[in-house]
N, C-alpha and C. Protein backbone atom coordinates (compact mmCIF):
# COMPACT_ATOMS: atom_id res chain seq x y z
N MET A 1 9.69 11.60 -12.30
CA MET A 1 8.43 10.90 -12.13
C MET A 1 7.29 11.80 -12.58
N ARG A 2 6.32 11.16 -13.18
CA ARG A 2 5.17 11.90 -13.65
C ARG A 2 3.93 11.32 -12.96
N ILE A 3 3.18 12.18 -12.28
CA ILE A 3 1.96 11.74 -11.62
C ILE A 3 0.94 11.38 -12.70
N LEU A 4 0.40 10.17 -12.62
CA LEU A 4 -0.58 9.70 -13.59
C LEU A 4 -2.01 9.96 -13.13
N ASP A 5 -2.23 9.89 -11.82
CA ASP A 5 -3.59 10.01 -11.30
C ASP A 5 -3.53 10.32 -9.81
N THR A 6 -4.63 10.82 -9.27
CA THR A 6 -4.78 10.97 -7.83
C THR A 6 -6.03 10.21 -7.41
N ILE A 7 -5.99 9.71 -6.20
CA ILE A 7 -7.11 8.97 -5.63
C ILE A 7 -7.48 9.69 -4.34
N PHE A 8 -8.74 9.97 -4.15
CA PHE A 8 -9.23 10.69 -2.97
C PHE A 8 -8.51 12.02 -2.79
N GLY A 9 -8.02 12.61 -3.86
CA GLY A 9 -7.40 13.93 -3.82
C GLY A 9 -6.01 14.00 -3.24
N GLU A 10 -5.53 12.93 -2.57
CA GLU A 10 -4.23 12.98 -1.91
C GLU A 10 -3.31 11.82 -2.23
N VAL A 11 -3.88 10.68 -2.55
CA VAL A 11 -3.07 9.50 -2.89
C VAL A 11 -2.60 9.68 -4.33
N LEU A 12 -1.31 9.48 -4.56
CA LEU A 12 -0.72 9.74 -5.88
C LEU A 12 -0.28 8.44 -6.54
N LEU A 13 -0.61 8.30 -7.82
CA LEU A 13 -0.21 7.15 -8.61
C LEU A 13 0.74 7.64 -9.70
N PHE A 14 1.88 7.01 -9.81
CA PHE A 14 2.85 7.40 -10.82
C PHE A 14 3.63 6.20 -11.31
N LYS A 15 4.37 6.39 -12.36
CA LYS A 15 5.18 5.33 -12.96
C LYS A 15 6.64 5.57 -12.56
N ARG A 16 7.29 4.52 -12.06
CA ARG A 16 8.70 4.64 -11.72
C ARG A 16 9.54 4.52 -12.98
N GLY A 17 10.71 5.08 -12.92
CA GLY A 17 11.61 4.96 -14.05
C GLY A 17 12.28 3.60 -14.06
N TYR A 18 12.74 3.20 -15.21
CA TYR A 18 13.51 1.98 -15.29
C TYR A 18 14.35 1.99 -16.56
N ARG A 19 15.37 1.18 -16.53
CA ARG A 19 16.22 1.03 -17.69
C ARG A 19 16.49 -0.46 -17.86
N GLN A 20 16.41 -0.92 -19.07
CA GLN A 20 16.63 -2.33 -19.33
C GLN A 20 17.67 -2.50 -20.43
N ASP A 21 18.60 -3.42 -20.21
CA ASP A 21 19.55 -3.77 -21.24
C ASP A 21 19.87 -5.26 -21.11
N CYS A 22 20.92 -5.72 -21.75
CA CYS A 22 21.23 -7.15 -21.77
C CYS A 22 21.57 -7.71 -20.39
N ARG A 23 21.87 -6.84 -19.42
CA ARG A 23 22.20 -7.29 -18.06
C ARG A 23 20.97 -7.47 -17.18
N GLY A 24 19.87 -6.82 -17.56
CA GLY A 24 18.66 -6.87 -16.74
C GLY A 24 18.00 -5.52 -16.68
N THR A 25 17.25 -5.30 -15.60
CA THR A 25 16.47 -4.08 -15.45
C THR A 25 16.91 -3.33 -14.20
N SER A 26 16.98 -2.02 -14.30
CA SER A 26 17.26 -1.14 -13.17
C SER A 26 16.01 -0.31 -12.90
N ALA A 27 15.45 -0.45 -11.69
CA ALA A 27 14.27 0.32 -11.31
C ALA A 27 14.73 1.60 -10.62
N VAL A 28 14.18 2.73 -11.03
CA VAL A 28 14.51 4.02 -10.43
C VAL A 28 13.28 4.50 -9.66
N ILE A 29 13.43 4.58 -8.34
CA ILE A 29 12.31 4.98 -7.50
C ILE A 29 12.72 6.24 -6.76
N GLY A 30 12.23 7.38 -7.23
CA GLY A 30 12.59 8.66 -6.64
C GLY A 30 11.40 9.28 -5.94
N THR A 31 11.62 10.47 -5.42
CA THR A 31 10.56 11.18 -4.71
C THR A 31 10.19 12.49 -5.40
N ASP A 32 10.72 12.72 -6.60
CA ASP A 32 10.35 13.91 -7.36
C ASP A 32 8.84 13.89 -7.61
N GLY A 33 8.19 15.02 -7.38
CA GLY A 33 6.75 15.10 -7.59
C GLY A 33 5.93 14.75 -6.37
N LEU A 34 6.56 14.20 -5.34
CA LEU A 34 5.85 13.88 -4.10
C LEU A 34 5.93 15.08 -3.17
N PRO A 35 5.11 15.12 -2.12
CA PRO A 35 5.19 16.25 -1.18
C PRO A 35 6.62 16.44 -0.69
N SER A 36 7.04 17.69 -0.56
CA SER A 36 8.43 18.00 -0.23
C SER A 36 8.84 17.49 1.15
N ASP A 37 7.89 17.26 2.05
CA ASP A 37 8.24 16.76 3.37
C ASP A 37 8.39 15.23 3.41
N PHE A 38 8.18 14.55 2.29
CA PHE A 38 8.33 13.09 2.25
C PHE A 38 9.79 12.74 1.97
N LYS A 39 10.45 12.22 2.99
CA LYS A 39 11.84 11.77 2.88
C LYS A 39 11.87 10.31 3.34
N ILE A 40 12.40 9.45 2.52
CA ILE A 40 12.41 8.02 2.85
C ILE A 40 13.33 7.78 4.04
N CYS A 41 12.77 7.18 5.09
CA CYS A 41 13.50 6.87 6.31
C CYS A 41 13.72 5.36 6.42
N GLU A 42 12.76 4.58 5.94
CA GLU A 42 12.82 3.13 6.07
C GLU A 42 12.29 2.47 4.81
N GLN A 43 12.94 1.38 4.41
CA GLN A 43 12.45 0.59 3.29
C GLN A 43 12.38 -0.87 3.71
N ARG A 44 11.37 -1.54 3.20
CA ARG A 44 11.21 -2.98 3.44
C ARG A 44 10.92 -3.65 2.12
N ALA A 45 11.56 -4.78 1.90
CA ALA A 45 11.25 -5.59 0.73
C ALA A 45 10.49 -6.81 1.23
N TYR A 46 9.26 -6.96 0.75
CA TYR A 46 8.44 -8.12 1.11
C TYR A 46 8.54 -9.15 0.00
N THR A 47 9.00 -10.33 0.32
CA THR A 47 9.01 -11.42 -0.64
C THR A 47 7.80 -12.30 -0.29
N ILE A 48 6.90 -12.43 -1.25
CA ILE A 48 5.62 -13.09 -1.01
C ILE A 48 5.55 -14.32 -1.91
N PRO A 49 5.75 -15.51 -1.34
CA PRO A 49 5.86 -16.71 -2.17
C PRO A 49 4.56 -17.17 -2.82
N LYS A 50 3.42 -16.86 -2.23
CA LYS A 50 2.16 -17.40 -2.73
C LYS A 50 1.17 -16.31 -3.14
N ALA A 51 0.49 -16.55 -4.23
CA ALA A 51 -0.65 -15.70 -4.60
C ALA A 51 -1.72 -15.86 -3.53
N GLY A 52 -2.43 -14.78 -3.26
CA GLY A 52 -3.52 -14.83 -2.28
C GLY A 52 -3.12 -14.39 -0.88
N ALA A 53 -1.86 -13.99 -0.67
CA ALA A 53 -1.45 -13.46 0.63
C ALA A 53 -1.94 -12.02 0.74
N PHE A 54 -2.63 -11.72 1.86
CA PHE A 54 -3.16 -10.37 2.06
C PHE A 54 -2.53 -9.74 3.29
N PHE A 55 -2.03 -8.51 3.13
CA PHE A 55 -1.46 -7.72 4.22
C PHE A 55 -2.38 -6.54 4.45
N GLY A 56 -2.99 -6.45 5.62
CA GLY A 56 -3.82 -5.27 5.88
C GLY A 56 -5.20 -5.66 6.33
N ILE A 57 -6.02 -4.71 6.58
CA ILE A 57 -5.97 -3.27 6.41
C ILE A 57 -5.17 -2.66 7.58
N HIS A 58 -4.08 -1.97 7.27
CA HIS A 58 -3.23 -1.35 8.27
C HIS A 58 -3.30 0.17 8.14
N TYR A 59 -3.14 0.84 9.26
CA TYR A 59 -3.09 2.31 9.27
C TYR A 59 -2.36 2.75 10.52
N ASP A 60 -1.91 4.00 10.55
CA ASP A 60 -1.24 4.56 11.73
C ASP A 60 -2.27 5.31 12.55
N ASP A 61 -2.14 5.24 13.86
CA ASP A 61 -3.14 5.82 14.75
C ASP A 61 -3.20 7.34 14.74
N GLY A 62 -2.24 8.01 14.12
CA GLY A 62 -2.27 9.47 14.03
C GLY A 62 -1.35 10.16 15.01
N SER A 63 -0.90 9.45 16.04
CA SER A 63 -0.02 10.09 17.01
C SER A 63 1.36 10.38 16.42
N ARG A 64 1.82 9.54 15.53
CA ARG A 64 3.08 9.74 14.81
C ARG A 64 2.83 9.32 13.36
N PRO A 65 2.28 10.22 12.56
CA PRO A 65 1.86 9.86 11.20
C PRO A 65 3.01 9.42 10.30
N ARG A 66 2.67 8.55 9.37
CA ARG A 66 3.67 8.02 8.44
C ARG A 66 3.06 7.93 7.05
N ALA A 67 3.78 8.44 6.06
CA ALA A 67 3.37 8.30 4.66
C ALA A 67 4.15 7.13 4.06
N LYS A 68 3.56 6.51 3.03
CA LYS A 68 4.15 5.31 2.44
C LYS A 68 4.26 5.46 0.93
N LEU A 69 5.24 4.78 0.37
CA LEU A 69 5.45 4.70 -1.06
C LEU A 69 5.61 3.22 -1.39
N ILE A 70 4.75 2.71 -2.28
CA ILE A 70 4.70 1.27 -2.53
C ILE A 70 4.83 1.00 -4.02
N THR A 71 5.62 -0.03 -4.35
CA THR A 71 5.73 -0.50 -5.72
C THR A 71 6.00 -2.00 -5.69
N VAL A 72 5.86 -2.64 -6.82
CA VAL A 72 6.16 -4.06 -6.95
C VAL A 72 7.31 -4.21 -7.93
N ILE A 73 8.32 -4.93 -7.51
CA ILE A 73 9.51 -5.14 -8.33
C ILE A 73 9.35 -6.38 -9.22
N ARG A 74 8.74 -7.42 -8.66
CA ARG A 74 8.50 -8.66 -9.41
C ARG A 74 7.13 -9.21 -9.04
N GLY A 75 6.45 -9.76 -10.02
CA GLY A 75 5.12 -10.31 -9.78
C GLY A 75 4.07 -9.23 -9.88
N ALA A 76 2.99 -9.42 -9.10
CA ALA A 76 1.90 -8.45 -9.15
C ALA A 76 1.05 -8.55 -7.89
N GLY A 77 0.39 -7.43 -7.59
CA GLY A 77 -0.51 -7.40 -6.45
C GLY A 77 -1.50 -6.27 -6.58
N ASP A 78 -2.61 -6.41 -5.87
CA ASP A 78 -3.62 -5.37 -5.81
C ASP A 78 -3.43 -4.58 -4.53
N ASP A 79 -3.21 -3.28 -4.68
CA ASP A 79 -3.03 -2.39 -3.56
C ASP A 79 -4.39 -1.75 -3.26
N TYR A 80 -4.84 -1.88 -2.03
CA TYR A 80 -6.13 -1.33 -1.60
C TYR A 80 -5.88 -0.10 -0.75
N ILE A 81 -6.51 1.00 -1.08
CA ILE A 81 -6.40 2.25 -0.33
C ILE A 81 -7.79 2.57 0.21
N ILE A 82 -7.89 2.71 1.53
CA ILE A 82 -9.18 2.97 2.18
C ILE A 82 -9.11 4.34 2.85
N ASP A 83 -10.07 5.20 2.54
CA ASP A 83 -10.11 6.54 3.11
C ASP A 83 -10.63 6.44 4.55
N LEU A 84 -9.77 6.76 5.52
CA LEU A 84 -10.14 6.72 6.94
C LEU A 84 -10.24 8.12 7.55
N ARG A 85 -10.30 9.14 6.71
CA ARG A 85 -10.44 10.51 7.20
C ARG A 85 -11.92 10.74 7.51
N LYS A 86 -12.26 10.82 8.78
CA LYS A 86 -13.67 10.88 9.20
C LYS A 86 -14.41 12.08 8.65
N ASP A 87 -13.73 13.17 8.36
CA ASP A 87 -14.39 14.37 7.85
C ASP A 87 -14.44 14.40 6.31
N SER A 88 -14.03 13.34 5.68
CA SER A 88 -13.98 13.29 4.22
C SER A 88 -15.31 12.81 3.63
N SER A 89 -15.65 13.33 2.46
CA SER A 89 -16.87 12.88 1.77
C SER A 89 -16.71 11.46 1.24
N THR A 90 -15.47 10.94 1.22
CA THR A 90 -15.24 9.58 0.74
C THR A 90 -14.82 8.64 1.88
N TYR A 91 -15.18 9.01 3.11
CA TYR A 91 -14.86 8.20 4.29
C TYR A 91 -15.34 6.76 4.08
N LEU A 92 -14.45 5.81 4.32
CA LEU A 92 -14.64 4.36 4.20
C LEU A 92 -14.81 3.85 2.77
N LYS A 93 -14.63 4.73 1.80
CA LYS A 93 -14.59 4.28 0.40
C LYS A 93 -13.19 3.73 0.14
N TRP A 94 -13.07 2.89 -0.85
CA TRP A 94 -11.77 2.34 -1.17
C TRP A 94 -11.56 2.25 -2.68
N GLU A 95 -10.31 2.19 -3.05
CA GLU A 95 -9.90 2.01 -4.44
C GLU A 95 -8.85 0.92 -4.49
N ARG A 96 -8.78 0.24 -5.60
CA ARG A 96 -7.79 -0.82 -5.80
C ARG A 96 -6.95 -0.48 -7.04
N VAL A 97 -5.64 -0.66 -6.91
CA VAL A 97 -4.73 -0.40 -8.01
C VAL A 97 -3.84 -1.63 -8.18
N ARG A 98 -3.73 -2.12 -9.41
CA ARG A 98 -2.83 -3.24 -9.69
C ARG A 98 -1.41 -2.70 -9.87
N LEU A 99 -0.50 -3.18 -9.03
CA LEU A 99 0.91 -2.85 -9.12
C LEU A 99 1.64 -4.10 -9.60
N SER A 100 2.57 -3.95 -10.51
CA SER A 100 3.32 -5.12 -10.98
C SER A 100 4.71 -4.71 -11.43
N GLY A 101 5.57 -5.70 -11.51
CA GLY A 101 6.89 -5.45 -12.05
C GLY A 101 6.80 -4.96 -13.48
N GLU A 102 5.80 -5.45 -14.20
CA GLU A 102 5.63 -5.08 -15.60
C GLU A 102 5.12 -3.66 -15.80
N ASN A 103 4.11 -3.24 -15.02
CA ASN A 103 3.53 -1.90 -15.26
C ASN A 103 4.31 -0.78 -14.58
N ALA A 104 5.23 -1.12 -13.66
CA ALA A 104 6.13 -0.14 -13.02
C ALA A 104 5.39 0.99 -12.30
N LEU A 105 4.18 0.72 -11.81
CA LEU A 105 3.44 1.76 -11.08
C LEU A 105 3.88 1.83 -9.63
N CYS A 106 3.82 3.02 -9.07
CA CYS A 106 4.08 3.28 -7.65
C CYS A 106 2.87 4.02 -7.10
N ILE A 107 2.65 3.87 -5.81
CA ILE A 107 1.56 4.60 -5.17
C ILE A 107 2.08 5.24 -3.88
N TYR A 108 1.76 6.52 -3.72
CA TYR A 108 2.12 7.27 -2.53
C TYR A 108 0.85 7.41 -1.68
N ILE A 109 0.93 6.95 -0.42
CA ILE A 109 -0.24 6.95 0.47
C ILE A 109 0.09 7.81 1.69
N PRO A 110 -0.53 8.99 1.81
CA PRO A 110 -0.27 9.85 2.97
C PRO A 110 -1.04 9.37 4.20
N MET A 111 -0.79 10.04 5.30
CA MET A 111 -1.52 9.80 6.55
C MET A 111 -3.01 9.96 6.32
N GLY A 112 -3.80 9.14 7.00
CA GLY A 112 -5.26 9.26 6.91
C GLY A 112 -5.90 8.17 6.08
N PHE A 113 -5.08 7.27 5.57
CA PHE A 113 -5.60 6.21 4.71
C PHE A 113 -5.16 4.85 5.24
N GLY A 114 -6.06 3.89 5.13
CA GLY A 114 -5.70 2.51 5.41
C GLY A 114 -5.12 1.90 4.16
N HIS A 115 -4.40 0.82 4.35
CA HIS A 115 -3.70 0.21 3.23
C HIS A 115 -3.73 -1.31 3.36
N GLY A 116 -3.97 -1.97 2.25
CA GLY A 116 -3.88 -3.42 2.19
C GLY A 116 -3.25 -3.83 0.87
N PHE A 117 -2.66 -5.01 0.86
CA PHE A 117 -2.01 -5.50 -0.35
C PHE A 117 -2.29 -6.99 -0.51
N LEU A 118 -2.77 -7.37 -1.69
CA LEU A 118 -3.07 -8.76 -2.01
C LEU A 118 -2.16 -9.21 -3.15
N SER A 119 -1.31 -10.21 -2.89
CA SER A 119 -0.49 -10.75 -3.98
C SER A 119 -1.40 -11.53 -4.92
N VAL A 120 -1.21 -11.33 -6.21
CA VAL A 120 -2.06 -12.02 -7.19
C VAL A 120 -1.28 -13.03 -8.02
N CYS A 121 0.02 -13.15 -7.74
CA CYS A 121 0.78 -14.23 -8.37
C CYS A 121 1.89 -14.67 -7.41
N ASP A 122 2.38 -15.87 -7.62
CA ASP A 122 3.46 -16.40 -6.79
C ASP A 122 4.73 -15.58 -6.99
N ASP A 123 5.58 -15.60 -5.98
CA ASP A 123 6.91 -14.98 -6.02
C ASP A 123 6.87 -13.48 -6.33
N THR A 124 6.00 -12.78 -5.64
CA THR A 124 5.90 -11.33 -5.78
C THR A 124 6.87 -10.66 -4.80
N ILE A 125 7.52 -9.61 -5.27
CA ILE A 125 8.38 -8.80 -4.40
C ILE A 125 7.84 -7.38 -4.40
N GLN A 126 7.45 -6.92 -3.20
CA GLN A 126 6.93 -5.58 -3.02
C GLN A 126 7.97 -4.74 -2.28
N LEU A 127 8.18 -3.51 -2.73
CA LEU A 127 9.06 -2.58 -2.04
C LEU A 127 8.19 -1.54 -1.35
N PHE A 128 8.35 -1.43 -0.04
CA PHE A 128 7.56 -0.55 0.82
C PHE A 128 8.53 0.47 1.43
N SER A 129 8.33 1.73 1.14
CA SER A 129 9.16 2.80 1.70
C SER A 129 8.28 3.70 2.56
N ALA A 130 8.86 4.25 3.62
CA ALA A 130 8.09 5.12 4.52
C ALA A 130 8.96 6.26 5.01
N ASP A 131 8.30 7.34 5.39
CA ASP A 131 9.02 8.52 5.87
C ASP A 131 9.25 8.50 7.38
N ARG A 132 8.88 7.40 8.01
CA ARG A 132 9.12 7.22 9.45
C ARG A 132 9.31 5.73 9.69
N SER A 133 10.18 5.40 10.61
CA SER A 133 10.43 4.01 10.95
C SER A 133 9.16 3.38 11.54
N GLY A 134 8.94 2.11 11.23
CA GLY A 134 7.80 1.40 11.81
C GLY A 134 7.88 1.33 13.33
N ALA A 135 9.09 1.34 13.87
CA ALA A 135 9.27 1.32 15.32
C ALA A 135 8.79 2.62 15.96
N ASP A 136 8.72 3.71 15.17
CA ASP A 136 8.28 5.02 15.67
C ASP A 136 6.78 5.23 15.52
N CYS A 137 6.08 4.27 14.94
CA CYS A 137 4.65 4.43 14.65
C CYS A 137 3.84 3.40 15.42
N ARG A 138 2.58 3.69 15.54
CA ARG A 138 1.67 2.72 16.16
C ARG A 138 0.73 2.23 15.07
N THR A 139 1.06 1.08 14.48
CA THR A 139 0.27 0.52 13.40
C THR A 139 -0.97 -0.16 13.97
N MET A 140 -2.10 0.16 13.41
CA MET A 140 -3.39 -0.41 13.82
C MET A 140 -3.92 -1.26 12.68
N ARG A 141 -4.90 -2.09 12.98
CA ARG A 141 -5.49 -2.96 11.97
C ARG A 141 -7.01 -2.88 12.01
N ILE A 142 -7.59 -3.07 10.84
CA ILE A 142 -9.05 -3.19 10.69
C ILE A 142 -9.30 -4.50 9.96
N SER A 143 -10.34 -5.20 10.32
CA SER A 143 -10.66 -6.45 9.66
C SER A 143 -10.86 -6.25 8.16
N CYS A 144 -10.19 -7.07 7.37
CA CYS A 144 -10.35 -6.98 5.92
C CYS A 144 -11.71 -7.53 5.48
N TYR A 145 -12.43 -8.13 6.42
CA TYR A 145 -13.77 -8.65 6.13
C TYR A 145 -14.87 -7.72 6.64
N ASP A 146 -14.50 -6.54 7.12
CA ASP A 146 -15.47 -5.58 7.64
C ASP A 146 -16.49 -5.24 6.55
N GLU A 147 -17.75 -5.55 6.80
CA GLU A 147 -18.80 -5.32 5.81
C GLU A 147 -19.06 -3.84 5.55
N THR A 148 -18.73 -2.99 6.52
CA THR A 148 -18.89 -1.55 6.33
C THR A 148 -17.98 -1.05 5.20
N ILE A 149 -16.80 -1.63 5.11
CA ILE A 149 -15.85 -1.26 4.06
C ILE A 149 -16.11 -2.08 2.80
N GLY A 150 -16.31 -3.37 2.95
CA GLY A 150 -16.70 -4.23 1.83
C GLY A 150 -15.66 -4.41 0.74
N LEU A 151 -14.45 -4.79 1.11
CA LEU A 151 -13.40 -4.99 0.11
C LEU A 151 -13.74 -6.09 -0.90
N GLY A 152 -14.49 -7.09 -0.49
CA GLY A 152 -14.83 -8.16 -1.42
C GLY A 152 -13.63 -8.97 -1.85
N LEU A 153 -12.78 -9.32 -0.91
CA LEU A 153 -11.61 -10.12 -1.22
C LEU A 153 -12.02 -11.52 -1.69
N PRO A 154 -11.19 -12.15 -2.50
CA PRO A 154 -11.51 -13.51 -2.92
C PRO A 154 -11.48 -14.49 -1.74
N ASP A 155 -12.14 -15.60 -1.89
CA ASP A 155 -12.13 -16.63 -0.84
C ASP A 155 -10.72 -17.19 -0.70
N GLY A 156 -10.39 -17.59 0.54
CA GLY A 156 -9.14 -18.30 0.77
C GLY A 156 -7.89 -17.45 0.84
N VAL A 157 -8.03 -16.15 1.15
CA VAL A 157 -6.82 -15.33 1.26
C VAL A 157 -6.00 -15.81 2.46
N ILE A 158 -4.70 -15.62 2.35
CA ILE A 158 -3.76 -16.02 3.40
C ILE A 158 -3.53 -14.79 4.28
N LEU A 159 -3.83 -14.93 5.60
CA LEU A 159 -3.72 -13.81 6.53
C LEU A 159 -2.80 -14.16 7.69
N SER A 160 -2.14 -13.15 8.25
CA SER A 160 -1.38 -13.34 9.49
C SER A 160 -2.38 -13.47 10.64
N ASP A 161 -1.91 -13.96 11.78
CA ASP A 161 -2.78 -14.07 12.96
C ASP A 161 -3.32 -12.71 13.36
N GLU A 162 -2.46 -11.67 13.30
CA GLU A 162 -2.90 -10.32 13.69
C GLU A 162 -4.00 -9.80 12.76
N ASP A 163 -3.85 -10.04 11.46
CA ASP A 163 -4.87 -9.58 10.52
C ASP A 163 -6.16 -10.39 10.66
N MET A 164 -6.02 -11.68 10.99
CA MET A 164 -7.20 -12.54 11.14
C MET A 164 -8.07 -12.09 12.31
N THR A 165 -7.44 -11.55 13.36
CA THR A 165 -8.18 -11.15 14.55
C THR A 165 -8.41 -9.64 14.65
N ALA A 166 -8.13 -8.90 13.57
CA ALA A 166 -8.33 -7.45 13.57
C ALA A 166 -9.81 -7.12 13.74
N PRO A 167 -10.12 -6.08 14.50
CA PRO A 167 -11.51 -5.72 14.76
C PRO A 167 -12.14 -4.97 13.57
N PRO A 168 -13.47 -4.95 13.50
CA PRO A 168 -14.13 -4.11 12.51
C PRO A 168 -13.99 -2.63 12.91
N ILE A 169 -14.22 -1.77 11.97
CA ILE A 169 -14.03 -0.33 12.20
C ILE A 169 -14.92 0.20 13.33
N CYS A 170 -16.10 -0.37 13.51
CA CYS A 170 -17.00 0.12 14.56
C CYS A 170 -16.47 -0.13 15.96
N GLN A 171 -15.48 -1.00 16.12
CA GLN A 171 -14.88 -1.27 17.44
C GLN A 171 -13.61 -0.47 17.69
N ILE A 172 -13.27 0.39 16.76
CA ILE A 172 -12.02 1.15 16.94
C ILE A 172 -12.36 2.55 17.46
C-alpha cells in the first residue's frame, strides 16, 4: 500500500491493491504502511441499498479507543472525517473523501476523530475494519446537523433513529 495523502496529520488515505481478470476482481486490503499497533480485530460489511443513507457522526468516547479502516467494495460514498481533538488547531474541522469500488481508496481513521458515511449511489457495499471489537468500545454520536460542524449534507438523507436524535457537540 502506498499512502497518497494525510488529513489532519493523522488520517491516512491510500489505494488498496486489486487484481482483475476474466473471473472478476480481487480486492487486497492490507495494513502495510499503517501504524504498527493497528491490527484488525473486527470487520463489518455494510450493504446499503439506497443512495442518501448517512451513518454518523460516530466516535469513541476515549475510554477504549478504536482505530478504523474504511473502503468501498461496490458503489460509492462520501466519507466524512471530523477532528474532535480539543487541543488541535483543526478542532471541529472536517474533510470529505469519495470512496468507491472504482477508485479503490481506503481511509485509516485513528482515535480522536468523528466519522460519517453517506452513500451516493444505490447498492453500495462498505467494508469497515477496526482494531477493537465494537462490543469493547463506547460509540457516541453527534448530530450530523450540528451547525458548529456544518457538514452541509444534502436534503432528505436517510438516518437511523439513534443518529436522528444525536445531540449537538455543545451538549456532549
